[in-house]
Amino acid sequence: MELAQLERWTPAEIEARGQRLAVLALKVWPRLIADDLWVKQARLDDAVQAASGKKRADLKCDTVVRSWLDKLADFSVALGEDVTEVVATKSTVFHKPVWFVELLPRAMA
């Protein structure tokens, strides 16, 4: 029933119209069923874009920590062709496609 045909506009009419519109909306715009792997890949793509060209060498740490950071990072990358390294401001994160390790270098005391 259209609004112009209603004599009164009560909560009951509002609820009934809302139900009809909901049914119609599901016909016009079907529910999105997103693939879990696609969602994970989209999140990884966003992380890579946010990193915007940062490199592991940009992370500040002393030479001893740098040596261990590079060894651990190289090992993580070598775990598979689908491993992606994303360097942030203070860490580097490895994804496959969800992150599985984050290396956060600190200066030696």
PDB file of N, CA and C in Angstrom:
ATOM      1  N   MET A   1       0.843  -1.171   0.000  1.00  0.00           N
ATOM      2  CA  MET A   1       0.000   0.000   0.000  1.00  0.00           C
ATOM      3  C   MET A   1       0.896   1.245   0.000  1.00  0.00           C
ATOM      4  N   GLU A   2       0.562   2.182  -0.844  1.00  0.00           N
ATOM      5  CA  GLU A   2       1.339   3.404  -0.961  1.00  0.00           C
ATOM      6  C   GLU A   2       0.978   4.388   0.147  1.00  0.00           C
ATOM      7  N   LEU A   3       1.884   5.264   0.463  1.00  0.00           N
ATOM      8  CA  LEU A   3       1.662   6.234   1.528  1.00  0.00           C
ATOM      9  C   LEU A   3       0.462   7.134   1.256  1.00  0.00           C
ATOM     10  N   ALA A   4       0.281   7.549   0.009  1.00  0.00           N
ATOM     11  CA  ALA A   4      -0.824   8.452  -0.335  1.00  0.00           C
ATOM     12  C   ALA A   4      -2.180   7.806  -0.094  1.00  0.00           C
ATOM     13  N   GLN A   5      -2.252   6.487  -0.083  1.00  0.00           N
ATOM     14  CA  GLN A   5      -3.524   5.786   0.100  1.00  0.00           C
ATOM     15  C   GLN A   5      -3.860   5.553   1.571  1.00  0.00           C
ATOM     16  N   LEU A   6      -2.925   5.826   2.451  1.00  0.00           N
ATOM     17  CA  LEU A   6      -3.161   5.595   3.877  1.00  0.00           C
ATOM     18  C   LEU A   6      -3.964   6.740   4.483  1.00  0.00           C
ATOM     19  N   GLU A   7      -4.926   6.370   5.320  1.00  0.00           N
ATOM     20  CA  GLU A   7      -5.679   7.391   6.038  1.00  0.00           C
ATOM     21  C   GLU A   7      -4.900   7.849   7.269  1.00  0.00           C
ATOM     22  N   ARG A   8      -4.155   6.911   7.847  1.00  0.00           N
ATOM     23  CA  ARG A   8      -3.354   7.235   9.036  1.00  0.00           C
ATOM     24  C   ARG A   8      -1.948   6.669   8.841  1.00  0.00           C
ATOM     25  N   TRP A   9      -1.004   7.276   9.509  1.00  0.00           N
ATOM     26  CA  TRP A   9       0.399   6.839   9.435  1.00  0.00           C
ATOM     27  C   TRP A   9       0.835   6.532  10.855  1.00  0.00           C
ATOM     28  N   THR A  10       0.519   5.305  11.290  1.00  0.00           N
ATOM     29  CA  THR A  10       0.780   4.883  12.667  1.00  0.00           C
ATOM     30  C   THR A  10       2.006   3.989  12.709  1.00  0.00           C
ATOM     31  N   PRO A  11       2.479   3.684  13.897  1.00  0.00           N
ATOM     32  CA  PRO A  11       3.616   2.759  13.995  1.00  0.00           C
ATOM     33  C   PRO A  11       3.364   1.424  13.300  1.00  0.00           C
ATOM     34  N   ALA A  12       2.145   0.936  13.310  1.00  0.00           N
ATOM     35  CA  ALA A  12       1.840  -0.327  12.636  1.00  0.00           C
ATOM     36  C   ALA A  12       2.026  -0.203  11.127  1.00  0.00           C
ATOM     37  N   GLU A  13       1.560   0.896  10.548  1.00  0.00           N
ATOM     38  CA  GLU A  13       1.737   1.109   9.107  1.00  0.00           C
ATOM     39  C   GLU A  13       3.218   1.309   8.760  1.00  0.00           C
ATOM     40  N   ILE A  14       3.910   2.018   9.622  1.00  0.00           N
ATOM     41  CA  ILE A  14       5.350   2.219   9.394  1.00  0.00           C
ATOM     42  C   ILE A  14       6.084   0.880   9.410  1.00  0.00           C
ATOM     43  N   GLU A  15       5.756   0.038  10.368  1.00  0.00           N
ATOM     44  CA  GLU A  15       6.399  -1.287  10.470  1.00  0.00           C
ATOM     45  C   GLU A  15       6.072  -2.144   9.252  1.00  0.00           C
ATOM     46  N   ALA A  16       4.801  -2.170   8.843  1.00  0.00           N
ATOM     47  CA  ALA A  16       4.401  -2.977   7.683  1.00  0.00           C
ATOM     48  C   ALA A  16       5.108  -2.498   6.418  1.00  0.00           C
ATOM     49  N   ARG A  17       5.178  -1.176   6.234  1.00  0.00           N
ATOM     50  CA  ARG A  17       5.848  -0.640   5.042  1.00  0.00           C
ATOM     51  C   ARG A  17       7.336  -0.972   5.083  1.00  0.00           C
ATOM     52  N   GLY A  18       7.930  -0.887   6.269  1.00  0.00           N
ATOM     53  CA  GLY A  18       9.349  -1.238   6.410  1.00  0.00           C
ATOM     54  C   GLY A  18       9.613  -2.680   6.027  1.00  0.00           C
ATOM     55  N   GLN A  19       8.715  -3.578   6.431  1.00  0.00           N
ATOM     56  CA  GLN A  19       8.855  -4.997   6.075  1.00  0.00           C
ATOM     57  C   GLN A  19       8.765  -5.193   4.560  1.00  0.00           C
ATOM     58  N   ARG A  20       7.803  -4.526   3.919  1.00  0.00           N
ATOM     59  CA  ARG A  20       7.672  -4.634   2.459  1.00  0.00           C
ATOM     60  C   ARG A  20       8.912  -4.089   1.752  1.00  0.00           C
ATOM     61  N   LEU A  21       9.412  -2.962   2.233  1.00  0.00           N
ATOM     62  CA  LEU A  21      10.616  -2.384   1.622  1.00  0.00           C
ATOM     63  C   LEU A  21      11.835  -3.286   1.813  1.00  0.00           C
ATOM     64  N   ALA A  22      11.909  -3.947   2.957  1.00  0.00           N
ATOM     65  CA  ALA A  22      13.028  -4.859   3.207  1.00  0.00           C
ATOM     66  C   ALA A  22      13.001  -6.029   2.229  1.00  0.00           C
ATOM     67  N   VAL A  23      11.831  -6.593   1.998  1.00  0.00           N
ATOM     68  CA  VAL A  23      11.690  -7.690   1.027  1.00  0.00           C
ATOM     69  C   VAL A  23      12.065  -7.212  -0.367  1.00  0.00           C
ATOM     70  N   LEU A  24      11.584  -6.041  -0.735  1.00  0.00           N
ATOM     71  CA  LEU A  24      11.905  -5.476  -2.047  1.00  0.00           C
ATOM     72  C   LEU A  24      13.409  -5.192  -2.174  1.00  0.00           C
ATOM     73  N   ALA A  25      14.002  -4.653  -1.131  1.00  0.00           N
ATOM     74  CA  ALA A  25      15.431  -4.330  -1.163  1.00  0.00           C
ATOM     75  C   ALA A  25      16.278  -5.580  -1.387  1.00  0.00           C
ATOM     76  N   LEU A  26      15.916  -6.695  -0.768  1.00  0.00           N
ATOM     77  CA  LEU A  26      16.666  -7.938  -0.954  1.00  0.00           C
ATOM     78  C   LEU A  26      16.538  -8.479  -2.375  1.00  0.00           C
ATOM     79  N   LYS A  27      15.437  -8.171  -3.049  1.00  0.00           N
ATOM     80  CA  LYS A  27      15.296  -8.573  -4.451  1.00  0.00           C
ATOM     81  C   LYS A  27      16.148  -7.692  -5.348  1.00  0.00           C
ATOM     82  N   VAL A  28      16.185  -6.391  -5.036  1.00  0.00           N
ATOM     83  CA  VAL A  28      16.941  -5.440  -5.859  1.00  0.00           C
ATOM     84  C   VAL A  28      18.444  -5.573  -5.601  1.00  0.00           C
ATOM     85  N   TRP A  29      18.821  -5.652  -4.333  1.00  0.00           N
ATOM     86  CA  TRP A  29      20.220  -5.750  -3.949  1.00  0.00           C
ATOM     87  C   TRP A  29      20.425  -7.030  -3.145  1.00  0.00           C
ATOM     88  N   PRO A  30      20.763  -8.131  -3.825  1.00  0.00           N
ATOM     89  CA  PRO A  30      20.935  -9.386  -3.091  1.00  0.00           C
ATOM     90  C   PRO A  30      22.088  -9.297  -2.088  1.00  0.00           C
ATOM     91  N   ARG A  31      21.995 -10.114  -1.081  1.00  0.00           N
ATOM     92  CA  ARG A  31      22.997 -10.154  -0.027  1.00  0.00           C
ATOM     93  C   ARG A  31      24.363 -10.498  -0.613  1.00  0.00           C
ATOM     94  N   LEU A  32      25.388  -9.786  -0.201  1.00  0.00           N
ATOM     95  CA  LEU A  32      26.747 -10.043  -0.656  1.00  0.00           C
ATOM     96  C   LEU A  32      27.324 -11.205   0.138  1.00  0.00           C
ATOM     97  N   ILE A  33      27.783 -12.194  -0.571  1.00  0.00           N
ATOM     98  CA  ILE A  33      28.467 -13.306   0.067  1.00  0.00           C
ATOM     99  C   ILE A  33      29.925 -13.190  -0.347  1.00  0.00           C
ATOM    100  N   ALA A  34      30.740 -12.702   0.578  1.00  0.00           N
ATOM    101  CA  ALA A  34      32.140 -12.446   0.276  1.00  0.00           C
ATOM    102  C   ALA A  34      32.977 -13.684   0.577  1.00  0.00           C
ATOM    103  N   ASP A  35      33.870 -13.995  -0.324  1.00  0.00           N
ATOM    104  CA  ASP A  35      34.798 -15.094  -0.135  1.00  0.00           C
ATOM    105  C   ASP A  35      35.827 -14.690   0.916  1.00  0.00           C
ATOM    106  N   ASP A  36      36.053 -15.547   1.912  1.00  0.00           N
ATOM    107  CA  ASP A  36      36.967 -15.243   3.013  1.00  0.00           C
ATOM    108  C   ASP A  36      38.377 -14.951   2.505  1.00  0.00           C
ATOM    109  N   LEU A  37      38.843 -15.719   1.549  1.00  0.00           N
ATOM    110  CA  LEU A  37      40.183 -15.489   1.002  1.00  0.00           C
ATOM    111  C   LEU A  37      40.257 -14.141   0.298  1.00  0.00           C
ATOM    112  N   TRP A  38      39.179 -13.760  -0.393  1.00  0.00           N
ATOM    113  CA  TRP A  38      39.154 -12.468  -1.068  1.00  0.00           C
ATOM    114  C   TRP A  38      39.245 -11.327  -0.053  1.00  0.00           C
ATOM    115  N   VAL A  39      38.534 -11.459   1.063  1.00  0.00           N
ATOM    116  CA  VAL A  39      38.568 -10.428   2.108  1.00  0.00           C
ATOM    117  C   VAL A  39      39.975 -10.320   2.684  1.00  0.00           C
ATOM    118  N   LYS A  40      40.609 -11.454   2.954  1.00  0.00           N
ATOM    119  CA  LYS A  40      41.977 -11.438   3.485  1.00  0.00           C
ATOM    120  C   LYS A  40      42.938 -10.791   2.498  1.00  0.00           C
ATOM    121  N   GLN A  41      42.774 -11.099   1.215  1.00  0.00           N
ATOM    122  CA  GLN A  41      43.643 -10.514   0.197  1.00  0.00           C
ATOM    123  C   GLN A  41      43.411  -9.009   0.098  1.00  0.00           C
ATOM    124  N   ALA A  42      42.180  -8.568   0.218  1.00  0.00           N
ATOM    125  CA  ALA A  42      41.882  -7.136   0.172  1.00  0.00           C
ATOM    126  C   ALA A  42      42.519  -6.415   1.358  1.00  0.00           C
ATOM    127  N   ARG A  43      42.491  -7.033   2.524  1.00  0.00           N
ATOM    128  CA  ARG A  43      43.149  -6.433   3.694  1.00  0.00           C
ATOM    129  C   ARG A  43      44.652  -6.357   3.489  1.00  0.00           C
ATOM    130  N   LEU A  44      45.229  -7.394   2.914  1.00  0.00           N
ATOM    131  CA  LEU A  44      46.661  -7.378   2.627  1.00  0.00           C
ATOM    132  C   LEU A  44      46.983  -6.282   1.623  1.00  0.00           C
ATOM    133  N   ASP A  45      46.178  -6.166   0.580  1.00  0.00           N
ATOM    134  CA  ASP A  45      46.390  -5.112  -0.423  1.00  0.00           C
ATOM    135  C   ASP A  45      46.340  -3.731   0.227  1.00  0.00           C
ATOM    136  N   ASP A  46      45.412  -3.542   1.157  1.00  0.00           N
ATOM    137  CA  ASP A  46      45.325  -2.267   1.871  1.00  0.00           C
ATOM    138  C   ASP A  46      46.579  -2.014   2.699  1.00  0.00           C
ATOM    139  N   ALA A  47      47.094  -3.053   3.355  1.00  0.00           N
ATOM    140  CA  ALA A  47      48.308  -2.902   4.168  1.00  0.00           C
ATOM    141  C   ALA A  47      49.509  -2.555   3.295  1.00  0.00           C
ATOM    142  N   VAL A  48      49.611  -3.216   2.148  1.00  0.00           N
ATOM    143  CA  VAL A  48      50.714  -2.928   1.224  1.00  0.00           C
ATOM    144  C   VAL A  48      50.626  -1.487   0.744  1.00  0.00           C
ATOM    145  N   GLN A  49      49.424  -1.042   0.406  1.00  0.00           N
ATOM    146  CA  GLN A  49      49.254   0.335  -0.055  1.00  0.00           C
ATOM    147  C   GLN A  49      49.584   1.320   1.057  1.00  0.00           C
ATOM    148  N   ALA A  50      49.202   1.015   2.283  1.00  0.00           N
ATOM    149  CA  ALA A  50      49.487   1.903   3.410  1.00  0.00           C
ATOM    150  C   ALA A  50      50.985   1.995   3.680  1.00  0.00           C
ATOM    151  N   ALA A  51      51.719   0.925   3.379  1.00  0.00           N
ATOM    152  CA  ALA A  51      53.170   0.934   3.591  1.00  0.00           C
ATOM    153  C   ALA A  51      53.855   1.898   2.631  1.00  0.00           C
ATOM    154  N   SER A  52      53.252   2.154   1.511  1.00  0.00           N
ATOM    155  CA  SER A  52      53.694   3.125   0.504  1.00  0.00           C
ATOM    156  C   SER A  52      55.207   3.203   0.302  1.00  0.00           C
ATOM    157  N   GLY A  53      55.795   2.086  -0.031  1.00  0.00           N
ATOM    158  CA  GLY A  53      57.199   2.090  -0.413  1.00  0.00           C
ATOM    159  C   GLY A  53      58.205   2.044   0.721  1.00  0.00           C
ATOM    160  N   LYS A  54      57.758   1.844   1.953  1.00  0.00           N
ATOM    161  CA  LYS A  54      58.716   1.726   3.057  1.00  0.00           C
ATOM    162  C   LYS A  54      59.528   0.453   2.865  1.00  0.00           C
ATOM    163  N   LYS A  55      60.791   0.524   3.245  1.00  0.00           N
ATOM    164  CA  LYS A  55      61.701  -0.618   3.122  1.00  0.00           C
ATOM    165  C   LYS A  55      62.180  -1.049   4.499  1.00  0.00           C
ATOM    166  N   ARG A  56      62.568  -2.296   4.606  1.00  0.00           N
ATOM    167  CA  ARG A  56      63.092  -2.827   5.861  1.00  0.00           C
ATOM    168  C   ARG A  56      64.273  -1.990   6.343  1.00  0.00           C
ATOM    169  N   ALA A  57      65.098  -1.507   5.419  1.00  0.00           N
ATOM    170  CA  ALA A  57      66.263  -0.697   5.780  1.00  0.00           C
ATOM    171  C   ALA A  57      65.862   0.619   6.448  1.00  0.00           C
ATOM    172  N   ASP A  58      64.604   1.032   6.301  1.00  0.00           N
ATOM    173  CA  ASP A  58      64.118   2.268   6.931  1.00  0.00           C
ATOM    174  C   ASP A  58      63.916   2.113   8.436  1.00  0.00           C
ATOM    175  N   LEU A  59      63.815   0.876   8.909  1.00  0.00           N
ATOM    176  CA  LEU A  59      63.594   0.643  10.335  1.00  0.00           C
ATOM    177  C   LEU A  59      64.865   0.986  11.105  1.00  0.00           C
ATOM    178  N   LYS A  60      64.714   1.749  12.170  1.00  0.00           N
ATOM    179  CA  LYS A  60      65.860   2.208  12.942  1.00  0.00           C
ATOM    180  C   LYS A  60      66.232   1.171  13.992  1.00  0.00           C
ATOM    181  N   CYS A  61      67.475   0.720  13.928  1.00  0.00           N
ATOM    182  CA  CYS A  61      68.012  -0.197  14.928  1.00  0.00           C
ATOM    183  C   CYS A  61      69.532  -0.259  14.752  1.00  0.00           C
ATOM    184  N   ASP A  62      70.220  -0.763  15.785  1.00  0.00           N
ATOM    185  CA  ASP A  62      71.677  -0.833  15.682  1.00  0.00           C
ATOM    186  C   ASP A  62      72.096  -2.026  14.826  1.00  0.00           C
ATOM    187  N   THR A  63      73.382  -2.177  14.584  1.00  0.00           N
ATOM    188  CA  THR A  63      73.866  -3.180  13.629  1.00  0.00           C
ATOM    189  C   THR A  63      73.618  -4.617  14.090  1.00  0.00           C
ATOM    190  N   VAL A  64      73.694  -4.876  15.386  1.00  0.00           N
ATOM    191  CA  VAL A  64      73.447  -6.240  15.887  1.00  0.00           C
ATOM    192  C   VAL A  64      71.982  -6.605  15.661  1.00  0.00           C
ATOM    193  N   VAL A  65      71.088  -5.701  16.031  1.00  0.00           N
ATOM    194  CA  VAL A  65      69.658  -5.946  15.840  1.00  0.00           C
ATOM    195  C   VAL A  65      69.341  -6.027  14.353  1.00  0.00           C
ATOM    196  N   ARG A  66      69.980  -5.176  13.539  1.00  0.00           N
ATOM    197  CA  ARG A  66      69.770  -5.200  12.089  1.00  0.00           C
ATOM    198  C   ARG A  66      70.127  -6.571  11.520  1.00  0.00           C
ATOM    199  N   SER A  67      71.233  -7.133  11.985  1.00  0.00           N
ATOM    200  CA  SER A  67      71.663  -8.449  11.495  1.00  0.00           C
ATOM    201  C   SER A  67      70.596  -9.506  11.788  1.00  0.00           C
ATOM    202  N   TRP A  68      70.070  -9.515  13.027  1.00  0.00           N
ATOM    203  CA  TRP A  68      69.041 -10.483  13.385  1.00  0.00           C
ATOM    204  C   TRP A  68      67.726 -10.202  12.669  1.00  0.00           C
ATOM    205  N   LEU A  69      67.398  -8.932  12.548  1.00  0.00           N
ATOM    206  CA  LEU A  69      66.175  -8.556  11.834  1.00  0.00           C
ATOM    207  C   LEU A  69      66.215  -9.074  10.408  1.00  0.00           C
ATOM    208  N   ASP A  70      67.322  -8.859   9.720  1.00  0.00           N
ATOM    209  CA  ASP A  70      67.440  -9.310   8.331  1.00  0.00           C
ATOM    210  C   ASP A  70      67.389 -10.825   8.222  1.00  0.00           C
ATOM    211  N   LYS A  71      68.046 -11.534   9.153  1.00  0.00           N
ATOM    212  CA  LYS A  71      68.026 -13.008   9.124  1.00  0.00           C
ATOM    213  C   LYS A  71      66.602 -13.535   9.334  1.00  0.00           C
ATOM    214  N   LEU A  72      65.915 -12.999  10.339  1.00  0.00           N
ATOM    215  CA  LEU A  72      64.548 -13.455  10.614  1.00  0.00           C
ATOM    216  C   LEU A  72      63.593 -13.082   9.485  1.00  0.00           C
ATOM    217  N   ALA A  73      63.773 -11.898   8.937  1.00  0.00           N
ATOM    218  CA  ALA A  73      62.917 -11.455   7.836  1.00  0.00           C
ATOM    219  C   ALA A  73      63.156 -12.308   6.600  1.00  0.00           C
ATOM    220  N   ASP A  74      64.403 -12.552   6.275  1.00  0.00           N
ATOM    221  CA  ASP A  74      64.720 -13.391   5.110  1.00  0.00           C
ATOM    222  C   ASP A  74      64.155 -14.799   5.286  1.00  0.00           C
ATOM    223  N   PHE A  75      64.245 -15.330   6.499  1.00  0.00           N
ATOM    224  CA  PHE A  75      63.675 -16.650   6.784  1.00  0.00           C
ATOM    225  C   PHE A  75      62.164 -16.627   6.577  1.00  0.00           C
ATOM    226  N   SER A  76      61.506 -15.589   7.064  1.00  0.00           N
ATOM    227  CA  SER A  76      60.051 -15.485   6.931  1.00  0.00           C
ATOM    228  C   SER A  76      59.637 -15.401   5.470  1.00  0.00           C
ATOM    229  N   VAL A  77      60.342 -14.618   4.681  1.00  0.00           N
ATOM    230  CA  VAL A  77      60.035 -14.471   3.256  1.00  0.00           C
ATOM    231  C   VAL A  77      60.240 -15.801   2.531  1.00  0.00           C
ATOM    232  N   ALA A  78      61.240 -16.562   2.959  1.00  0.00           N
ATOM    233  CA  ALA A  78      61.561 -17.831   2.303  1.00  0.00           C
ATOM    234  C   ALA A  78      60.530 -18.928   2.580  1.00  0.00           C
ATOM    235  N   LEU A  79      59.557 -18.667   3.434  1.00  0.00           N
ATOM    236  CA  LEU A  79      58.559 -19.694   3.753  1.00  0.00           C
ATOM    237  C   LEU A  79      57.608 -19.983   2.597  1.00  0.00           C
ATOM    238  N   GLY A  80      57.588 -19.136   1.603  1.00  0.00           N
ATOM    239  CA  GLY A  80      56.743 -19.415   0.451  1.00  0.00           C
ATOM    240  C   GLY A  80      56.607 -18.218  -0.461  1.00  0.00           C
ATOM    241  N   GLU A  81      56.260 -18.506  -1.706  1.00  0.00           N
ATOM    242  CA  GLU A  81      56.095 -17.440  -2.695  1.00  0.00           C
ATOM    243  C   GLU A  81      54.915 -16.531  -2.357  1.00  0.00           C
ATOM    244  N   ASP A  82      53.989 -17.023  -1.546  1.00  0.00           N
ATOM    245  CA  ASP A  82      52.806 -16.229  -1.204  1.00  0.00           C
ATOM    246  C   ASP A  82      53.010 -15.374   0.044  1.00  0.00           C
ATOM    247  N   VAL A  83      54.237 -15.320   0.570  1.00  0.00           N
ATOM    248  CA  VAL A  83      54.531 -14.485   1.733  1.00  0.00           C
ATOM    249  C   VAL A  83      54.820 -13.066   1.259  1.00  0.00           C
ATOM    250  N   THR A  84      54.168 -12.114   1.911  1.00  0.00           N
ATOM    251  CA  THR A  84      54.361 -10.699   1.592  1.00  0.00           C
ATOM    252  C   THR A  84      54.872  -9.988   2.829  1.00  0.00           C
ATOM    253  N   GLU A  85      55.946  -9.221   2.658  1.00  0.00           N
ATOM    254  CA  GLU A  85      56.487  -8.404   3.751  1.00  0.00           C
ATOM    255  C   GLU A  85      55.918  -6.992   3.621  1.00  0.00           C
ATOM    256  N   VAL A  86      55.372  -6.488   4.711  1.00  0.00           N
ATOM    257  CA  VAL A  86      54.836  -5.127   4.740  1.00  0.00           C
ATOM    258  C   VAL A  86      55.565  -4.378   5.850  1.00  0.00           C
ATOM    259  N   VAL A  87      56.321  -3.365   5.460  1.00  0.00           N
ATOM    260  CA  VAL A  87      57.091  -2.590   6.424  1.00  0.00           C
ATOM    261  C   VAL A  87      56.254  -1.408   6.895  1.00  0.00           C
ATOM    262  N   ALA A  88      56.119  -1.305   8.206  1.00  0.00           N
ATOM    263  CA  ALA A  88      55.413  -0.180   8.815  1.00  0.00           C
ATOM    264  C   ALA A  88      56.449   0.799   9.378  1.00  0.00           C
ATOM    265  N   THR A  89      56.010   1.738  10.168  1.00  0.00           N
ATOM    266  CA  THR A  89      56.916   2.743  10.708  1.00  0.00           C
ATOM    267  C   THR A  89      57.947   2.147  11.655  1.00  0.00           C
ATOM    268  N   LYS A  90      57.520   1.206  12.511  1.00  0.00           N
ATOM    269  CA  LYS A  90      58.428   0.657  13.511  1.00  0.00           C
ATOM    270  C   LYS A  90      58.566  -0.857  13.468  1.00  0.00           C
ATOM    271  N   SER A  91      57.979  -1.492  12.466  1.00  0.00           N
ATOM    272  CA  SER A  91      58.047  -2.949  12.414  1.00  0.00           C
ATOM    273  C   SER A  91      57.904  -3.420  10.976  1.00  0.00           C
ATOM    274  N   THR A  92      58.110  -4.709  10.801  1.00  0.00           N
ATOM    275  CA  THR A  92      57.830  -5.345   9.522  1.00  0.00           C
ATOM    276  C   THR A  92      56.950  -6.557   9.798  1.00  0.00           C
ATOM    277  N   VAL A  93      55.916  -6.698   8.990  1.00  0.00           N
ATOM    278  CA  VAL A  93      54.905  -7.731   9.207  1.00  0.00           C
ATOM    279  C   VAL A  93      54.879  -8.642   7.989  1.00  0.00           C
ATOM    280  N   PHE A  94      54.745  -9.933   8.228  1.00  0.00           N
ATOM    281  CA  PHE A  94      54.722 -10.923   7.153  1.00  0.00           C
ATOM    282  C   PHE A  94      53.333 -11.545   7.074  1.00  0.00           C
ATOM    283  N   HIS A  95      52.808 -11.577   5.861  1.00  0.00           N
ATOM    284  CA  HIS A  95      51.443 -12.050   5.597  1.00  0.00           C
ATOM    285  C   HIS A  95      51.491 -13.247   4.667  1.00  0.00           C
ATOM    286  N   LYS A  96      50.461 -14.126   4.823  1.00  0.00           N
ATOM    287  CA  LYS A  96      50.363 -15.304   3.945  1.00  0.00           C
ATOM    288  C   LYS A  96      48.922 -15.731   3.789  1.00  0.00           C
ATOM    289  N   PRO A  97      47.899 -15.078   3.362  1.00  0.00           N
ATOM    290  CA  PRO A  97      47.758 -13.639   3.207  1.00  0.00           C
ATOM    291  C   PRO A  97      47.461 -12.930   4.523  1.00  0.00           C
ATOM    292  N   VAL A  98      47.083 -13.644   5.596  1.00  0.00           N
ATOM    293  CA  VAL A  98      46.932 -12.967   6.885  1.00  0.00           C
ATOM    294  C   VAL A  98      48.291 -12.929   7.569  1.00  0.00           C
ATOM    295  N   TRP A  99      48.492 -11.948   8.417  1.00  0.00           N
ATOM    296  CA  TRP A  99      49.812 -11.818   9.023  1.00  0.00           C
ATOM    297  C   TRP A  99      50.075 -12.969   9.976  1.00  0.00           C
ATOM    298  N   PHE A 100      51.330 -13.437   9.959  1.00  0.00           N
ATOM    299  CA  PHE A 100      51.694 -14.543  10.838  1.00  0.00           C
ATOM    300  C   PHE A 100      52.854 -14.205  11.753  1.00  0.00           C
ATOM    301  N   VAL A 101      53.604 -13.146  11.447  1.00  0.00           N
ATOM    302  CA  VAL A 101      54.659 -12.717  12.363  1.00  0.00           C
ATOM    303  C   VAL A 101      54.927 -11.229  12.135  1.00  0.00           C
ATOM    304  N   GLU A 102      55.259 -10.557  13.239  1.00  0.00           N
ATOM    305  CA  GLU A 102      55.653  -9.157  13.166  1.00  0.00           C
ATOM    306  C   GLU A 102      56.979  -9.026  13.893  1.00  0.00           C
ATOM    307  N   LEU A 103      57.934  -8.421  13.218  1.00  0.00           N
ATOM    308  CA  LEU A 103      59.242  -8.174  13.822  1.00  0.00           C
ATOM    309  C   LEU A 103      59.315  -6.699  14.184  1.00  0.00           C
ATOM    310  N   LEU A 104      59.597  -6.451  15.450  1.00  0.00           N
ATOM    311  CA  LEU A 104      59.634  -5.097  15.977  1.00  0.00           C
ATOM    312  C   LEU A 104      61.025  -4.862  16.561  1.00  0.00           C
ATOM    313  N   PRO A 105      61.943  -4.324  15.761  1.00  0.00           N
ATOM    314  CA  PRO A 105      63.317  -4.169  16.234  1.00  0.00           C
ATOM    315  C   PRO A 105      63.440  -3.101  17.317  1.00  0.00           C
ATOM    316  N   ARG A 106      64.320  -3.360  18.272  1.00  0.00           N
ATOM    317  CA  ARG A 106      64.627  -2.409  19.341  1.00  0.00           C
ATOM    318  C   ARG A 106      66.138  -2.247  19.396  1.00  0.00           C
ATOM    319  N   ALA A 107      66.583  -1.125  19.851  1.00  0.00           N
ATOM    320  CA  ALA A 107      68.023  -0.891  20.008  1.00  0.00           C
ATOM    321  C   ALA A 107      68.539  -1.747  21.158  1.00  0.00           C
ATOM    322  N   MET A 108      69.761  -2.218  21.022  1.00  0.00           N
ATOM    323  CA  MET A 108      70.391  -2.994  22.091  1.00  0.00           C
ATOM    324  C   MET A 108      70.755  -2.041  23.228  1.00  0.00           C
ATOM    325  N   ALA A 109      70.620  -2.498  24.454  1.00  0.00           N
ATOM    326  CA  ALA A 109      70.933  -1.643  25.619  1.00  0.00           C
ATOM    327  C   ALA A 109      72.420  -1.673  25.915  1.00  0.00           C
TER     328      ALA A 109
END
